[in-house]
Each structure stands twice: as structure tokens, then as C-alpha cells.
């Protein structure tokens, strides 16, 4: 029996797939980052974050769904996003 995963689509709606997500995110903070993000790992270790955790197939989907890059694990993308938002 193969495992299924729940990912968010470009409208932020969950859907089941057999392919795991490549990025994780936080639903309330509306941010996305790498699955090995040290900031997310620390929050998860403290018992936070997990119930608001979401997953995306790719970066394009996360962006279209209205999520921003993580400043910790994606600092270059975050800086570009921040520059664009503050124009």
C-alpha cells in the first residue's frame, strides 16, 4: 500500500497525492521554506508549528497560493520578495 500526502494547491486547498511535497510552510504565517529549514525544525522540536504545517509540490505553487519565502532557509528569495513588497 503506497503512502499518500496532503499538499496545498495554488488556491491553498488541500489535495491528496502519492508524491511528497518539496517545500513546507506555515498556514497562519503564510510562509514557505525548505523541508530541512532550521527555524521550522526548532519550532517543531518545541512543540509548535506542526498543526499549522502545510506542504507544497513546488515553489511556484506556494507563491501563487499567497505564501512568502522563509527568511532563514531562503534568504536570497526572501530579500527579493521583501524588496518587491516594499516598492
PDB file of N, CA and C in Angstrom:
ATOM      1  N   UNK A   1       0.852  -1.179   0.000  1.00  0.00           N
ATOM      2  CA  UNK A   1       0.000   0.000   0.000  1.00  0.00           C
ATOM      3  C   UNK A   1       0.892   1.235   0.000  1.00  0.00           C
ATOM      4  N   UNK A   2       0.698   2.129  -0.961  1.00  0.00           N
ATOM      5  CA  UNK A   2       1.555   3.311  -1.036  1.00  0.00           C
ATOM      6  C   UNK A   2       1.001   4.428  -0.164  1.00  0.00           C
ATOM      7  N   UNK A   3       1.889   5.228   0.309  1.00  0.00           N
ATOM      8  CA  UNK A   3       1.533   6.335   1.187  1.00  0.00           C
ATOM      9  C   UNK A   3       0.977   7.496   0.366  1.00  0.00           C
ATOM     10  N   UNK A   4       0.037   8.233   0.939  1.00  0.00           N
ATOM     11  CA  UNK A   4      -0.458   9.448   0.289  1.00  0.00           C
ATOM     12  C   UNK A   4      -0.089  10.646   1.151  1.00  0.00           C
ATOM     13  N   UNK A   5       0.057  11.771   0.494  1.00  0.00           N
ATOM     14  CA  UNK A   5       0.444  13.010   1.141  1.00  0.00           C
ATOM     15  C   UNK A   5      -0.628  14.051   0.858  1.00  0.00           C
ATOM     16  N   UNK A   6      -0.743  15.018   1.732  1.00  0.00           N
ATOM     17  CA  UNK A   6      -1.681  16.111   1.516  1.00  0.00           C
ATOM     18  C   UNK A   6      -0.866  17.377   1.246  1.00  0.00           C
ATOM     19  N   UNK A   7      -1.083  17.940   0.061  1.00  0.00           N
ATOM     20  CA  UNK A   7      -0.394  19.158  -0.344  1.00  0.00           C
ATOM     21  C   UNK A   7      -1.432  20.240  -0.622  1.00  0.00           C
ATOM     22  N   UNK A   8      -1.010  21.493  -0.537  1.00  0.00           N
ATOM     23  CA  UNK A   8      -1.890  22.592  -0.911  1.00  0.00           C
ATOM     24  C   UNK A   8      -1.704  22.890  -2.391  1.00  0.00           C
ATOM     25  N   UNK A   9      -2.808  23.205  -3.059  1.00  0.00           N
ATOM     26  CA  UNK A   9      -2.715  23.593  -4.460  1.00  0.00           C
ATOM     27  C   UNK A   9      -2.550  25.110  -4.565  1.00  0.00           C
ATOM     28  N   UNK A  10      -2.604  25.636  -5.772  1.00  0.00           N
ATOM     29  CA  UNK A  10      -2.359  27.068  -5.986  1.00  0.00           C
ATOM     30  C   UNK A  10      -3.429  27.962  -5.370  1.00  0.00           C
ATOM     31  N   UNK A  11      -4.560  27.390  -5.006  1.00  0.00           N
ATOM     32  CA  UNK A  11      -5.616  28.164  -4.335  1.00  0.00           C
ATOM     33  C   UNK A  11      -5.599  27.947  -2.828  1.00  0.00           C
ATOM     34  N   UNK A  12      -4.601  27.202  -2.350  1.00  0.00           N
ATOM     35  CA  UNK A  12      -4.489  26.938  -0.926  1.00  0.00           C
ATOM     36  C   UNK A  12      -5.397  25.825  -0.436  1.00  0.00           C
ATOM     37  N   UNK A  13      -5.957  25.047  -1.360  1.00  0.00           N
ATOM     38  CA  UNK A  13      -6.838  23.939  -0.995  1.00  0.00           C
ATOM     39  C   UNK A  13      -6.030  22.648  -0.899  1.00  0.00           C
ATOM     40  N   UNK A  14      -6.313  21.828   0.100  1.00  0.00           N
ATOM     41  CA  UNK A  14      -5.585  20.567   0.241  1.00  0.00           C
ATOM     42  C   UNK A  14      -6.026  19.537  -0.794  1.00  0.00           C
ATOM     43  N   UNK A  15      -5.076  18.727  -1.231  1.00  0.00           N
ATOM     44  CA  UNK A  15      -5.391  17.598  -2.103  1.00  0.00           C
ATOM     45  C   UNK A  15      -4.411  16.462  -1.809  1.00  0.00           C
ATOM     46  N   UNK A  16      -4.859  15.257  -2.035  1.00  0.00           N
ATOM     47  CA  UNK A  16      -4.037  14.069  -1.787  1.00  0.00           C
ATOM     48  C   UNK A  16      -3.219  13.728  -3.024  1.00  0.00           C
ATOM     49  N   UNK A  17      -2.003  13.269  -2.781  1.00  0.00           N
ATOM     50  CA  UNK A  17      -1.118  12.859  -3.863  1.00  0.00           C
ATOM     51  C   UNK A  17      -0.186  11.768  -3.357  1.00  0.00           C
ATOM     52  N   UNK A  18       0.386  11.013  -4.246  1.00  0.00           N
ATOM     53  CA  UNK A  18       1.371   9.992  -3.868  1.00  0.00           C
ATOM     54  C   UNK A  18       2.791  10.545  -3.884  1.00  0.00           C
ATOM     55  N   UNK A  19       2.925  11.799  -4.312  1.00  0.00           N
ATOM     56  CA  UNK A  19       4.230  12.459  -4.372  1.00  0.00           C
ATOM     57  C   UNK A  19       4.360  13.414  -3.187  1.00  0.00           C
ATOM     58  N   UNK A  20       5.409  13.272  -2.371  1.00  0.00           N
ATOM     59  CA  UNK A  20       5.566  14.191  -1.234  1.00  0.00           C
ATOM     60  C   UNK A  20       5.898  15.598  -1.704  1.00  0.00           C
ATOM     61  N   UNK A  21       5.611  16.548  -0.867  1.00  0.00           N
ATOM     62  CA  UNK A  21       5.927  17.934  -1.182  1.00  0.00           C
ATOM     63  C   UNK A  21       7.424  18.187  -1.135  1.00  0.00           C
ATOM     64  N   UNK A  22       7.857  19.223  -1.823  1.00  0.00           N
ATOM     65  CA  UNK A  22       9.271  19.598  -1.815  1.00  0.00           C
ATOM     66  C   UNK A  22       9.532  20.773  -0.879  1.00  0.00           C
ATOM     67  N   UNK A  23       8.443  21.451  -0.450  1.00  0.00           N
ATOM     68  CA  UNK A  23       8.559  22.600   0.443  1.00  0.00           C
ATOM     69  C   UNK A  23       7.522  22.497   1.548  1.00  0.00           C
ATOM     70  N   UNK A  24       7.883  23.004   2.714  1.00  0.00           N
ATOM     71  CA  UNK A  24       6.945  23.065   3.828  1.00  0.00           C
ATOM     72  C   UNK A  24       6.570  24.508   4.072  1.00  0.00           C
ATOM     73  N   UNK A  25       5.496  24.706   4.805  1.00  0.00           N
ATOM     74  CA  UNK A  25       5.072  26.059   5.095  1.00  0.00           C
ATOM     75  C   UNK A  25       4.282  26.127   6.381  1.00  0.00           C
ATOM     76  N   UNK A  26       3.896  27.338   6.724  1.00  0.00           N
ATOM     77  CA  UNK A  26       3.097  27.593   7.916  1.00  0.00           C
ATOM     78  C   UNK A  26       1.831  28.323   7.472  1.00  0.00           C
ATOM     79  N   UNK A  27       0.688  27.685   7.687  1.00  0.00           N
ATOM     80  CA  UNK A  27      -0.587  28.218   7.201  1.00  0.00           C
ATOM     81  C   UNK A  27      -0.908  29.600   7.768  1.00  0.00           C
ATOM     82  N   UNK A  28      -0.700  29.817   9.041  1.00  0.00           N
ATOM     83  CA  UNK A  28      -1.065  31.105   9.655  1.00  0.00           C
ATOM     84  C   UNK A  28      -0.094  32.222   9.294  1.00  0.00           C
ATOM     85  N   UNK A  29       1.185  31.899   9.217  1.00  0.00           N
ATOM     86  CA  UNK A  29       2.184  32.916   8.876  1.00  0.00           C
ATOM     87  C   UNK A  29       2.312  33.130   7.373  1.00  0.00           C
ATOM     88  N   UNK A  30       1.722  32.224   6.593  1.00  0.00           N
ATOM     89  CA  UNK A  30       1.744  32.290   5.125  1.00  0.00           C
ATOM     90  C   UNK A  30       3.172  32.359   4.582  1.00  0.00           C
ATOM     91  N   UNK A  31       4.039  31.471   5.087  1.00  0.00           N
ATOM     92  CA  UNK A  31       5.405  31.404   4.575  1.00  0.00           C
ATOM     93  C   UNK A  31       5.738  29.978   4.176  1.00  0.00           C
ATOM     94  N   UNK A  32       6.714  29.838   3.292  1.00  0.00           N
ATOM     95  CA  UNK A  32       7.180  28.519   2.850  1.00  0.00           C
ATOM     96  C   UNK A  32       8.691  28.464   2.917  1.00  0.00           C
ATOM     97  N   UNK A  33       9.218  27.257   3.025  1.00  0.00           N
ATOM     98  CA  UNK A  33      10.663  27.078   3.056  1.00  0.00           C
ATOM     99  C   UNK A  33      11.045  25.633   2.798  1.00  0.00           C
ATOM    100  N   UNK A  34      12.323  25.384   2.880  1.00  0.00           N
ATOM    101  CA  UNK A  34      12.844  24.033   2.665  1.00  0.00           C
ATOM    102  C   UNK A  34      12.362  23.097   3.769  1.00  0.00           C
ATOM    103  N   UNK A  35      12.281  21.828   3.462  1.00  0.00           N
ATOM    104  CA  UNK A  35      11.852  20.849   4.458  1.00  0.00           C
ATOM    105  C   UNK A  35      12.874  20.702   5.575  1.00  0.00           C
ATOM    106  N   UNK A  36      14.120  21.066   5.313  1.00  0.00           N
ATOM    107  CA  UNK A  36      15.166  20.975   6.341  1.00  0.00           C
ATOM    108  C   UNK A  36      15.469  22.331   6.994  1.00  0.00           C
ATOM    109  N   UNK A  37      14.527  23.257   6.931  1.00  0.00           N
ATOM    110  CA  UNK A  37      14.725  24.597   7.491  1.00  0.00           C
ATOM    111  C   UNK A  37      15.031  24.515   8.989  1.00  0.00           C
ATOM    112  N   UNK A  38      16.153  25.093   9.438  1.00  0.00           N
ATOM    113  CA  UNK A  38      16.490  25.027  10.863  1.00  0.00           C
ATOM    114  C   UNK A  38      15.491  25.774  11.750  1.00  0.00           C
ATOM    115  N   UNK A  39      14.904  26.839  11.251  1.00  0.00           N
ATOM    116  CA  UNK A  39      13.926  27.581  12.038  1.00  0.00           C
ATOM    117  C   UNK A  39      12.669  26.744  12.268  1.00  0.00           C
ATOM    118  N   UNK A  40      12.173  26.110  11.223  1.00  0.00           N
ATOM    119  CA  UNK A  40      10.994  25.246  11.357  1.00  0.00           C
ATOM    120  C   UNK A  40      11.315  24.059  12.258  1.00  0.00           C
ATOM    121  N   UNK A  41      12.511  23.492  12.110  1.00  0.00           N
ATOM    122  CA  UNK A  41      12.901  22.341  12.943  1.00  0.00           C
ATOM    123  C   UNK A  41      12.914  22.712  14.423  1.00  0.00           C
ATOM    124  N   UNK A  42      13.415  23.901  14.747  1.00  0.00           N
ATOM    125  CA  UNK A  42      13.418  24.352  16.147  1.00  0.00           C
ATOM    126  C   UNK A  42      11.998  24.520  16.674  1.00  0.00           C
ATOM    127  N   UNK A  43      11.142  25.121  15.878  1.00  0.00           N
ATOM    128  CA  UNK A  43       9.749  25.325  16.298  1.00  0.00           C
ATOM    129  C   UNK A  43       9.044  23.985  16.495  1.00  0.00           C
ATOM    130  N   UNK A  44       9.262  23.064  15.587  1.00  0.00           N
ATOM    131  CA  UNK A  44       8.651  21.733  15.705  1.00  0.00           C
ATOM    132  C   UNK A  44       9.164  21.021  16.952  1.00  0.00           C
ATOM    133  N   UNK A  45      10.454  21.124  17.229  1.00  0.00           N
ATOM    134  CA  UNK A  45      11.049  20.482  18.408  1.00  0.00           C
ATOM    135  C   UNK A  45      10.456  21.038  19.704  1.00  0.00           C
ATOM    136  N   UNK A  46      10.039  22.299  19.695  1.00  0.00           N
ATOM    137  CA  UNK A  46       9.424  22.918  20.879  1.00  0.00           C
ATOM    138  C   UNK A  46       7.931  22.617  20.971  1.00  0.00           C
ATOM    139  N   UNK A  47       7.412  21.870  20.003  1.00  0.00           N
ATOM    140  CA  UNK A  47       6.001  21.516  20.026  1.00  0.00           C
ATOM    141  C   UNK A  47       5.101  22.502  19.325  1.00  0.00           C
ATOM    142  N   UNK A  48       5.683  23.429  18.577  1.00  0.00           N
ATOM    143  CA  UNK A  48       4.905  24.426  17.846  1.00  0.00           C
ATOM    144  C   UNK A  48       4.887  24.059  16.369  1.00  0.00           C
ATOM    145  N   UNK A  49       4.129  24.807  15.611  1.00  0.00           N
ATOM    146  CA  UNK A  49       4.205  24.782  14.159  1.00  0.00           C
ATOM    147  C   UNK A  49       3.460  23.619  13.512  1.00  0.00           C
ATOM    148  N   UNK A  50       3.500  22.426  14.120  1.00  0.00           N
ATOM    149  CA  UNK A  50       3.022  21.217  13.456  1.00  0.00           C
ATOM    150  C   UNK A  50       1.558  21.329  13.023  1.00  0.00           C
ATOM    151  N   UNK A  51       0.692  21.845  13.865  1.00  0.00           N
ATOM    152  CA  UNK A  51      -0.720  21.870  13.482  1.00  0.00           C
ATOM    153  C   UNK A  51      -1.024  22.889  12.387  1.00  0.00           C
ATOM    154  N   UNK A  52      -0.092  23.791  12.126  1.00  0.00           N
ATOM    155  CA  UNK A  52      -0.265  24.771  11.050  1.00  0.00           C
ATOM    156  C   UNK A  52       0.630  24.470   9.851  1.00  0.00           C
ATOM    157  N   UNK A  53       1.290  23.325   9.881  1.00  0.00           N
ATOM    158  CA  UNK A  53       2.235  22.950   8.822  1.00  0.00           C
ATOM    159  C   UNK A  53       1.479  22.563   7.566  1.00  0.00           C
ATOM    160  N   UNK A  54       1.949  23.063   6.437  1.00  0.00           N
ATOM    161  CA  UNK A  54       1.400  22.720   5.130  1.00  0.00           C
ATOM    162  C   UNK A  54       2.554  22.352   4.207  1.00  0.00           C
ATOM    163  N   UNK A  55       2.243  21.729   3.083  1.00  0.00           N
ATOM    164  CA  UNK A  55       3.270  21.305   2.143  1.00  0.00           C
ATOM    165  C   UNK A  55       2.875  21.682   0.728  1.00  0.00           C
ATOM    166  N   UNK A  56       3.888  21.947  -0.087  1.00  0.00           N
ATOM    167  CA  UNK A  56       3.693  22.334  -1.479  1.00  0.00           C
ATOM    168  C   UNK A  56       4.523  21.448  -2.395  1.00  0.00           C
ATOM    169  N   UNK A  57       4.005  21.217  -3.583  1.00  0.00           N
ATOM    170  CA  UNK A  57       4.732  20.433  -4.577  1.00  0.00           C
ATOM    171  C   UNK A  57       5.965  21.183  -5.072  1.00  0.00           C
ATOM    172  N   UNK A  58       5.839  22.514  -5.178  1.00  0.00           N
ATOM    173  CA  UNK A  58       6.955  23.313  -5.696  1.00  0.00           C
ATOM    174  C   UNK A  58       6.790  24.775  -5.274  1.00  0.00           C
ATOM    175  N   UNK A  59       7.814  25.548  -5.547  1.00  0.00           N
ATOM    176  CA  UNK A  59       7.829  26.954  -5.152  1.00  0.00           C
ATOM    177  C   UNK A  59       6.768  27.780  -5.876  1.00  0.00           C
ATOM    178  N   UNK A  60       6.576  27.507  -7.146  1.00  0.00           N
ATOM    179  CA  UNK A  60       5.584  28.267  -7.908  1.00  0.00           C
ATOM    180  C   UNK A  60       4.197  28.129  -7.289  1.00  0.00           C
ATOM    181  N   UNK A  61       3.850  26.937  -6.852  1.00  0.00           N
ATOM    182  CA  UNK A  61       2.546  26.709  -6.233  1.00  0.00           C
ATOM    183  C   UNK A  61       2.429  27.476  -4.926  1.00  0.00           C
ATOM    184  N   UNK A  62       3.485  27.475  -4.126  1.00  0.00           N
ATOM    185  CA  UNK A  62       3.475  28.205  -2.854  1.00  0.00           C
ATOM    186  C   UNK A  62       3.274  29.702  -3.087  1.00  0.00           C
ATOM    187  N   UNK A  63       3.950  30.251  -4.063  1.00  0.00           N
ATOM    188  CA  UNK A  63       3.851  31.684  -4.354  1.00  0.00           C
ATOM    189  C   UNK A  63       2.450  32.038  -4.837  1.00  0.00           C
ATOM    190  N   UNK A  64       1.917  31.260  -5.774  1.00  0.00           N
ATOM    191  CA  UNK A  64       0.576  31.535  -6.304  1.00  0.00           C
ATOM    192  C   UNK A  64      -0.472  31.410  -5.206  1.00  0.00           C
ATOM    193  N   UNK A  65      -0.236  30.522  -4.226  1.00  0.00           N
ATOM    194  CA  UNK A  65      -1.169  30.350  -3.113  1.00  0.00           C
ATOM    195  C   UNK A  65      -1.072  31.493  -2.108  1.00  0.00           C
ATOM    196  N   UNK A  66      -0.117  32.414  -2.316  1.00  0.00           N
ATOM    197  CA  UNK A  66      -0.011  33.587  -1.458  1.00  0.00           C
ATOM    198  C   UNK A  66       0.966  33.466  -0.304  1.00  0.00           C
ATOM    199  N   UNK A  67       1.898  32.533  -0.404  1.00  0.00           N
ATOM    200  CA  UNK A  67       2.904  32.343   0.644  1.00  0.00           C
ATOM    201  C   UNK A  67       4.191  33.055   0.257  1.00  0.00           C
ATOM    202  N   UNK A  68       4.959  33.476   1.258  1.00  0.00           N
ATOM    203  CA  UNK A  68       6.229  34.165   1.024  1.00  0.00           C
ATOM    204  C   UNK A  68       7.388  33.251   1.417  1.00  0.00           C
ATOM    205  N   UNK A  69       8.592  33.524   0.906  1.00  0.00           N
ATOM    206  CA  UNK A  69       9.767  32.710   1.260  1.00  0.00           C
ATOM    207  C   UNK A  69      10.201  32.924   2.711  1.00  0.00           C
ATOM    208  N   UNK A  70      10.781  31.897   3.282  1.00  0.00           N
ATOM    209  CA  UNK A  70      11.326  31.957   4.647  1.00  0.00           C
ATOM    210  C   UNK A  70      12.629  32.756   4.640  1.00  0.00           C
ATOM    211  N   UNK A  71      12.766  33.645   5.606  1.00  0.00           N
ATOM    212  CA  UNK A  71      13.972  34.468   5.708  1.00  0.00           C
ATOM    213  C   UNK A  71      15.180  33.653   6.160  1.00  0.00           C
ATOM    214  N   UNK A  72      14.962  32.542   6.857  1.00  0.00           N
ATOM    215  CA  UNK A  72      16.063  31.752   7.397  1.00  0.00           C
ATOM    216  C   UNK A  72      16.655  30.807   6.350  1.00  0.00           C
ATOM    217  N   UNK A  73      15.818  29.992   5.717  1.00  0.00           N
ATOM    218  CA  UNK A  73      16.354  28.978   4.805  1.00  0.00           C
ATOM    219  C   UNK A  73      16.372  29.419   3.341  1.00  0.00           C
ATOM    220  N   UNK A  74      15.700  30.505   3.018  1.00  0.00           N
ATOM    221  CA  UNK A  74      15.690  31.047   1.653  1.00  0.00           C
ATOM    222  C   UNK A  74      15.979  32.547   1.682  1.00  0.00           C
ATOM    223  N   UNK A  75      17.130  32.949   2.249  1.00  0.00           N
ATOM    224  CA  UNK A  75      17.387  34.379   2.461  1.00  0.00           C
ATOM    225  C   UNK A  75      17.439  35.212   1.181  1.00  0.00           C
ATOM    226  N   UNK A  76      17.952  34.667   0.104  1.00  0.00           N
ATOM    227  CA  UNK A  76      18.021  35.436  -1.148  1.00  0.00           C
ATOM    228  C   UNK A  76      16.618  35.658  -1.711  1.00  0.00           C
ATOM    229  N   UNK A  77      15.816  34.602  -1.721  1.00  0.00           N
ATOM    230  CA  UNK A  77      14.438  34.732  -2.213  1.00  0.00           C
ATOM    231  C   UNK A  77      13.620  35.655  -1.300  1.00  0.00           C
ATOM    232  N   UNK A  78      13.867  35.548   0.012  1.00  0.00           N
ATOM    233  CA  UNK A  78      13.164  36.420   0.961  1.00  0.00           C
ATOM    234  C   UNK A  78      13.520  37.890   0.705  1.00  0.00           C
ATOM    235  N   UNK A  79      14.803  38.185   0.512  1.00  0.00           N
ATOM    236  CA  UNK A  79      15.234  39.568   0.261  1.00  0.00           C
ATOM    237  C   UNK A  79      14.585  40.108  -1.011  1.00  0.00           C
ATOM    238  N   UNK A  80      14.511  39.289  -2.049  1.00  0.00           N
ATOM    239  CA  UNK A  80      13.872  39.722  -3.301  1.00  0.00           C
ATOM    240  C   UNK A  80      12.385  39.961  -3.082  1.00  0.00           C
ATOM    241  N   UNK A  81      11.732  39.073  -2.329  1.00  0.00           N
ATOM    242  CA  UNK A  81      10.307  39.244  -2.016  1.00  0.00           C
ATOM    243  C   UNK A  81      10.083  40.532  -1.223  1.00  0.00           C
ATOM    244  N   UNK A  82      10.916  40.753  -0.211  1.00  0.00           N
ATOM    245  CA  UNK A  82      10.776  41.934   0.628  1.00  0.00           C
ATOM    246  C   UNK A  82      10.973  43.209  -0.186  1.00  0.00           C
ATOM    247  N   UNK A  83      11.960  43.211  -1.057  1.00  0.00           N
ATOM    248  CA  UNK A  83      12.209  44.368  -1.928  1.00  0.00           C
ATOM    249  C   UNK A  83      11.005  44.647  -2.810  1.00  0.00           C
ATOM    250  N   UNK A  84      10.419  43.611  -3.355  1.00  0.00           N
ATOM    251  CA  UNK A  84       9.265  43.763  -4.233  1.00  0.00           C
ATOM    252  C   UNK A  84       8.042  44.280  -3.468  1.00  0.00           C
ATOM    253  N   UNK A  85       7.840  43.805  -2.270  1.00  0.00           N
ATOM    254  CA  UNK A  85       6.691  44.210  -1.460  1.00  0.00           C
ATOM    255  C   UNK A  85       6.798  45.675  -1.029  1.00  0.00           C
ATOM    256  N   UNK A  86       8.013  46.130  -0.776  1.00  0.00           N
ATOM    257  CA  UNK A  86       8.209  47.493  -0.271  1.00  0.00           C
ATOM    258  C   UNK A  86       8.463  48.527  -1.350  1.00  0.00           C
ATOM    259  N   UNK A  87       8.151  48.214  -2.572  1.00  0.00           N
ATOM    260  CA  UNK A  87       8.301  49.187  -3.663  1.00  0.00           C
ATOM    261  C   UNK A  87       7.121  50.077  -3.731  1.00  0.00           C
TER     262      UNK A  87
END
